N, C-alpha and C. Protein backbone atom coordinates (compact mmCIF):
# COMPACT_ATOMS: atom_id res chain seq x y z
N MET A 1 14.42 0.12 16.86
CA MET A 1 13.94 -0.44 16.44
C MET A 1 12.26 -0.64 15.90
N SER A 2 12.29 -0.64 14.42
CA SER A 2 10.34 -0.61 13.81
C SER A 2 9.69 -2.07 14.41
N ARG A 3 8.67 -2.18 14.13
CA ARG A 3 8.10 -3.20 14.56
C ARG A 3 7.99 -3.31 12.92
N PRO A 4 7.94 -4.77 13.36
CA PRO A 4 7.28 -5.94 11.82
C PRO A 4 5.78 -5.54 11.24
N ALA A 5 6.30 -5.34 10.35
CA ALA A 5 5.30 -5.13 9.47
C ALA A 5 3.79 -5.38 9.33
N ALA A 6 3.30 -6.67 9.90
CA ALA A 6 2.52 -7.47 10.02
C ALA A 6 1.56 -6.88 11.53
N GLY A 7 2.56 -6.45 12.77
CA GLY A 7 1.99 -5.72 13.87
C GLY A 7 1.51 -4.13 13.25
N GLU A 8 1.93 -3.75 12.47
CA GLU A 8 1.37 -2.38 11.80
C GLU A 8 0.28 -2.27 11.20
N ARG A 9 0.20 -3.56 10.27
CA ARG A 9 -1.32 -3.73 9.49
C ARG A 9 -2.38 -3.73 10.88
N ALA A 10 -1.73 -4.66 11.69
CA ALA A 10 -2.94 -5.16 12.73
C ALA A 10 -3.19 -4.11 13.41
N ASP A 11 -2.72 -3.08 13.71
CA ASP A 11 -2.45 -2.04 14.55
C ASP A 11 -3.84 -0.98 13.94
N VAL A 12 -3.59 -1.08 12.86
CA VAL A 12 -4.02 0.09 11.73
C VAL A 12 -5.45 -0.37 11.80
N LEU A 13 -5.11 -2.24 11.37
CA LEU A 13 -7.14 -2.60 11.25
C LEU A 13 -7.70 -2.56 12.98
N ALA A 14 -7.14 -2.63 13.96
CA ALA A 14 -7.70 -2.45 15.25
C ALA A 14 -8.18 -1.08 15.30
N ALA A 15 -7.98 -0.29 14.38
CA ALA A 15 -8.25 1.28 14.44
C ALA A 15 -9.13 1.36 13.65
N MET A 16 -9.94 0.61 12.57
CA MET A 16 -10.69 0.80 11.96
C MET A 16 -11.45 0.13 12.49
N ASP A 17 -11.54 -1.09 13.42
CA ASP A 17 -13.11 -1.65 13.95
C ASP A 17 -13.84 -1.31 14.82
N SER A 18 -12.68 0.04 15.74
CA SER A 18 -13.78 1.23 17.19
C SER A 18 -14.21 2.41 16.06
N ALA A 19 -13.63 2.43 14.39
CA ALA A 19 -13.64 3.72 13.98
C ALA A 19 -15.49 3.78 13.39
N GLU A 20 -15.73 4.87 13.05
CA GLU A 20 -17.08 5.33 12.96
C GLU A 20 -16.93 5.65 11.70
N GLY A 21 -17.65 6.78 10.83
CA GLY A 21 -17.93 7.67 10.09
C GLY A 21 -16.77 7.65 9.03
N PRO A 22 -16.20 9.39 8.87
CA PRO A 22 -15.34 10.11 8.28
C PRO A 22 -14.19 9.63 9.11
N ALA A 23 -14.23 8.64 10.09
CA ALA A 23 -12.75 8.28 11.24
C ALA A 23 -12.64 7.23 10.28
N PHE A 24 -13.20 5.76 10.41
CA PHE A 24 -13.13 5.03 9.64
C PHE A 24 -12.97 4.88 8.53
N VAL A 25 -13.14 5.97 7.32
CA VAL A 25 -12.70 6.10 6.04
C VAL A 25 -11.47 6.36 6.26
N ARG A 26 -10.99 7.53 6.99
CA ARG A 26 -9.60 7.64 7.22
C ARG A 26 -8.74 6.56 7.25
N SER A 27 -9.33 5.39 8.40
CA SER A 27 -8.52 4.77 9.00
C SER A 27 -8.92 3.79 7.28
N PHE A 28 -9.38 3.37 7.14
CA PHE A 28 -9.35 2.43 5.43
C PHE A 28 -8.67 3.04 4.65
N TYR A 29 -8.59 4.23 3.92
CA TYR A 29 -7.51 4.98 2.98
C TYR A 29 -5.81 5.05 3.76
N ALA A 30 -6.12 4.44 4.97
CA ALA A 30 -4.32 4.68 5.29
C ALA A 30 -4.07 3.45 5.58
N ALA A 31 -4.81 2.49 5.38
CA ALA A 31 -4.65 1.33 5.47
C ALA A 31 -4.18 0.88 4.46
N GLN A 32 -5.07 1.26 3.32
CA GLN A 32 -4.89 0.73 2.01
C GLN A 32 -3.71 1.90 0.98
N LEU A 33 -3.69 2.96 1.92
CA LEU A 33 -2.29 3.67 1.64
C LEU A 33 -0.62 2.78 1.75
N ALA A 34 -0.59 1.90 2.83
CA ALA A 34 0.23 1.78 3.45
C ALA A 34 0.17 -0.12 2.40
N GLN A 35 -0.76 -0.19 2.04
CA GLN A 35 -0.52 -1.37 1.34
C GLN A 35 -0.05 -1.26 -0.27
N TYR A 36 -0.46 -0.60 -0.38
CA TYR A 36 -0.11 0.51 -1.92
C TYR A 36 1.71 0.70 -1.43
N GLU A 37 1.91 0.88 -1.47
CA GLU A 37 3.17 1.50 -0.60
C GLU A 37 3.81 0.30 -0.76
N MET A 38 3.72 -0.81 0.21
CA MET A 38 4.52 -1.87 0.41
C MET A 38 4.46 -2.66 -0.37
N THR A 39 3.40 -2.89 -1.39
CA THR A 39 2.95 -3.71 -3.01
C THR A 39 4.61 -3.15 -4.41
N VAL A 40 3.77 -1.53 -4.17
CA VAL A 40 5.20 -0.78 -4.90
C VAL A 40 6.50 -1.32 -4.26
N SER A 41 6.97 -0.77 -3.70
CA SER A 41 8.04 -0.84 -3.39
C SER A 41 8.77 -2.12 -3.70
N VAL A 42 7.98 -3.23 -2.75
CA VAL A 42 8.31 -4.90 -3.79
C VAL A 42 7.88 -4.99 -4.75
N LEU A 43 7.44 -4.54 -5.47
CA LEU A 43 7.99 -4.71 -7.17
C LEU A 43 8.54 -3.70 -7.79
N GLU A 44 9.41 -2.53 -7.04
CA GLU A 44 10.19 -1.98 -7.28
C GLU A 44 11.69 -2.70 -7.76
N ARG A 45 11.94 -3.37 -6.38
CA ARG A 45 12.14 -4.61 -6.49
C ARG A 45 12.95 -5.70 -6.75
N TYR A 46 11.73 -6.06 -7.51
CA TYR A 46 11.67 -7.28 -8.37
C TYR A 46 12.31 -6.23 -9.64
N LEU A 47 11.73 -5.39 -10.18
CA LEU A 47 11.61 -5.25 -11.50
C LEU A 47 13.58 -4.54 -11.47
N GLN A 48 14.30 -3.72 -10.30
CA GLN A 48 16.05 -3.81 -10.34
C GLN A 48 16.44 -5.22 -10.05
N SER A 49 16.02 -6.29 -9.51
CA SER A 49 16.96 -7.37 -9.10
C SER A 49 16.63 -8.61 -8.84
N SER A 50 15.65 -8.90 -9.89
CA SER A 50 15.32 -10.53 -10.06
C SER A 50 15.87 -10.59 -11.53
N ASP A 51 16.07 -12.00 -11.49
CA ASP A 51 16.74 -12.06 -12.89
C ASP A 51 15.93 -13.39 -13.41
N ILE A 52 14.57 -13.21 -13.19
CA ILE A 52 13.81 -13.82 -13.52
C ILE A 52 12.75 -13.44 -14.46
N ASP A 53 13.00 -13.28 -15.42
CA ASP A 53 12.10 -12.70 -16.82
C ASP A 53 10.38 -12.29 -16.43
N ASP A 54 9.94 -13.25 -16.19
CA ASP A 54 8.53 -13.35 -15.95
C ASP A 54 8.52 -11.86 -15.01
N VAL A 55 9.09 -12.25 -13.20
CA VAL A 55 9.16 -11.51 -13.02
C VAL A 55 8.92 -10.40 -13.33
N LYS A 56 10.04 -9.77 -13.75
CA LYS A 56 10.25 -8.50 -14.66
C LYS A 56 9.40 -7.91 -15.39
N ASN A 57 8.68 -8.83 -15.98
CA ASN A 57 7.68 -8.43 -17.16
C ASN A 57 6.50 -7.90 -15.89
N PHE A 58 6.46 -8.66 -15.00
CA PHE A 58 5.15 -8.62 -14.27
C PHE A 58 4.91 -7.54 -13.27
N ALA A 59 6.13 -7.25 -12.76
CA ALA A 59 6.17 -5.91 -12.31
C ALA A 59 6.34 -4.91 -13.10
N ALA A 60 6.99 -4.81 -14.69
CA ALA A 60 6.48 -3.73 -15.15
C ALA A 60 5.28 -3.58 -15.64
N ALA A 61 4.70 -4.81 -15.99
CA ALA A 61 3.44 -4.51 -16.38
C ALA A 61 2.71 -4.12 -15.25
N GLN A 62 2.83 -4.23 -14.03
CA GLN A 62 1.73 -3.35 -12.73
C GLN A 62 2.62 -2.36 -11.98
N LEU A 63 3.40 -2.02 -11.80
CA LEU A 63 4.01 -0.60 -11.42
C LEU A 63 3.09 0.41 -12.18
N PRO A 64 3.07 0.82 -13.50
CA PRO A 64 2.23 1.96 -13.70
C PRO A 64 0.48 1.63 -12.97
N ARG A 65 0.14 1.07 -13.50
CA ARG A 65 -1.77 0.71 -12.19
C ARG A 65 -1.37 1.35 -10.48
N LEU A 66 -0.28 0.87 -10.86
CA LEU A 66 -0.24 0.72 -9.01
C LEU A 66 0.04 2.16 -8.54
N ARG A 67 1.21 2.87 -9.05
CA ARG A 67 1.46 3.60 -8.90
C ARG A 67 0.57 5.05 -8.98
N ALA A 68 -0.21 4.73 -9.96
CA ALA A 68 -1.45 5.86 -10.05
C ALA A 68 -2.57 5.47 -8.59
N GLU A 69 -3.05 4.20 -8.35
CA GLU A 69 -4.06 4.06 -7.48
C GLU A 69 -2.91 4.39 -6.64
N LEU A 70 -1.38 4.55 -6.33
CA LEU A 70 -1.06 4.87 -4.97
C LEU A 70 -1.04 6.27 -4.56
N GLU A 71 -1.46 7.62 -6.43
CA GLU A 71 -1.14 8.48 -5.30
C GLU A 71 -2.98 8.87 -5.85
N ASP A 72 -3.46 8.21 -6.51
CA ASP A 72 -5.00 8.01 -5.83
C ASP A 72 -5.55 8.51 -4.50
N THR A 73 -5.29 7.14 -3.95
CA THR A 73 -5.06 6.87 -2.75
C THR A 73 -4.69 8.09 -1.11
N ARG A 74 -3.54 8.71 -1.72
CA ARG A 74 -2.94 10.04 -1.16
C ARG A 74 -3.95 10.69 -1.36
N ALA A 75 -4.34 10.93 -2.57
CA ALA A 75 -5.31 11.98 -2.66
C ALA A 75 -6.41 11.79 -2.08
N ALA A 76 -7.00 10.78 -2.23
CA ALA A 76 -8.02 10.61 -1.42
C ALA A 76 -7.83 11.01 0.25
N LEU A 77 -6.76 10.80 0.51
CA LEU A 77 -6.40 10.50 2.25
C LEU A 77 -6.59 11.81 2.15
N ALA A 78 -5.94 12.80 1.39
CA ALA A 78 -6.25 14.21 1.92
C ALA A 78 -6.79 15.04 1.39
N GLU A 79 -7.73 14.42 1.20
CA GLU A 79 -9.05 15.13 0.84
C GLU A 79 -9.88 14.86 2.52
N LYS A 80 -9.68 13.87 3.03
CA LYS A 80 -10.69 13.35 3.81
C LYS A 80 -10.82 13.87 5.78
């Protein structure tokens, strides 16, 4: 069974507390990446299954920017 998302986020944040320099930067980007992935996933589900037009419109408007930021974060993490 997988751990709840809150537990996984707590682990990532705890790792950041003890990190310094490049290790901190990698931890930061890893935490940011996880949040972008979760947010994109939620908005994609809303876009596909919501019966509320305002929610669908919000998801459609936000997804391109968040996907771009997700890719930027992946690239930055790969460089670190």
